[in-house]
Protein backbone atom coordinates (compact mmCIF):
# COMPACT_ATOMS: atom_id res chain seq x y z
CA UNK A 1 168.26 102.30 106.80
CA UNK A 2 171.78 101.33 107.74
CA UNK A 3 174.41 102.01 105.12
CA UNK A 4 175.07 99.00 102.92
CA UNK A 5 177.81 98.54 100.35
CA UNK A 6 176.80 99.60 96.85
CA UNK A 7 177.45 96.08 95.53
CA UNK A 8 174.93 94.54 97.94
CA UNK A 9 172.31 97.13 97.04
CA UNK A 10 172.84 96.45 93.33
CA UNK A 11 172.54 92.68 93.82
CA UNK A 12 169.32 93.15 95.80
CA UNK A 13 167.89 95.39 93.07
CA UNK A 14 168.81 92.85 90.40
CA UNK A 15 167.11 90.09 92.39
CA UNK A 16 163.98 92.24 92.60
CA UNK A 17 164.17 92.78 88.82
CA UNK A 18 164.49 88.99 88.40
CA UNK A 19 161.21 88.58 90.29
CA UNK A 20 159.53 91.11 87.98
CA UNK A 21 160.82 89.39 84.85
CA UNK A 22 159.94 85.87 86.01
CA UNK A 23 156.14 86.04 86.05
CA UNK A 24 154.95 83.66 83.31
CA UNK A 25 152.53 85.27 80.89
CA UNK A 26 150.57 84.20 77.84
CA UNK A 27 152.01 81.15 76.10
CA UNK A 28 154.70 80.74 78.78
CA UNK A 29 152.10 80.21 81.53
CA UNK A 30 152.08 76.44 80.94
CA UNK A 31 155.77 76.10 80.15
CA UNK A 32 157.57 73.96 82.76
CA UNK A 33 160.75 76.04 82.54
CA UNK A 34 158.83 79.30 83.01
CA UNK A 35 156.98 77.85 86.00
CA UNK A 36 160.25 76.65 87.55
CA UNK A 37 161.72 80.13 87.10
CA UNK A 38 158.62 81.64 88.75
CA UNK A 39 158.93 79.25 91.71
CA UNK A 40 162.59 80.25 92.07
CA UNK A 41 161.57 83.91 91.96
CA UNK A 42 159.11 83.27 94.79
CA UNK A 43 161.91 81.79 96.91
CA UNK A 44 164.02 84.88 96.19
CA UNK A 45 161.05 87.09 97.12
CA UNK A 46 160.70 85.31 100.47
CA UNK A 47 164.40 85.80 101.23
CA UNK A 48 164.22 89.51 100.35
CA UNK A 49 161.05 89.99 102.42
CA UNK A 50 162.59 88.23 105.41
CA UNK A 51 165.52 90.68 105.28
CA UNK A 52 163.25 93.61 106.16
CA UNK A 53 163.88 94.74 109.75
CA UNK A 54 160.35 96.20 110.11
CA UNK A 55 156.94 94.65 110.75
CA UNK A 56 155.37 93.52 107.44
CA UNK A 57 152.63 95.77 106.08
CA UNK A 58 153.70 98.89 107.96
CA UNK A 59 154.65 102.24 106.47
CA UNK A 60 158.19 101.71 107.75
CA UNK A 61 158.54 98.40 105.90
CA UNK A 62 157.06 99.90 102.73
CA UNK A 63 159.52 102.82 102.88
CA UNK A 64 162.39 100.38 103.48
CA UNK A 65 161.48 98.30 100.43
CA UNK A 66 161.11 101.38 98.21
CA UNK A 67 164.45 102.77 99.36
CA UNK A 68 166.23 99.44 98.95
CA UNK A 69 164.67 98.08 95.75
CA UNK A 70 163.63 101.25 93.93
CA UNK A 71 161.26 100.69 91.00
CA UNK A 72 161.21 96.94 91.64
CA UNK A 73 159.99 97.28 95.24
CA UNK A 74 156.48 96.23 94.25
CA UNK A 75 157.80 92.87 93.04
CA UNK A 76 159.06 92.14 96.53
CA UNK A 77 156.20 93.69 98.52
CA UNK A 78 153.14 92.65 96.52
CA UNK A 79 151.63 89.23 97.08
CA UNK A 80 151.15 86.92 94.11
C-alpha cells in the first residue's frame, strides 16, 4: 500500500466505524432516521470500496482493506 497521511487513514477508519454503527437493529429497524443513516452508510461503503486499487474479492483486496480499515474492514468488505 502506498503511504498515506495519518489524517486520511484516520478519517477512512472512522468512516468504516460509521458503517458498523449505522446498521439498524431491533426497534430502530423501522425508524425512518435509522434507515436514512443506513442508506448514507451504504453510499460511504461504496466510495470506500471503489478506492481499492485491487480486483474485488481477491486476497490482495482483502489484505488492502484489513491494512487500511483495521477492525472495521469487514464493514467495508462484507455485502449487506
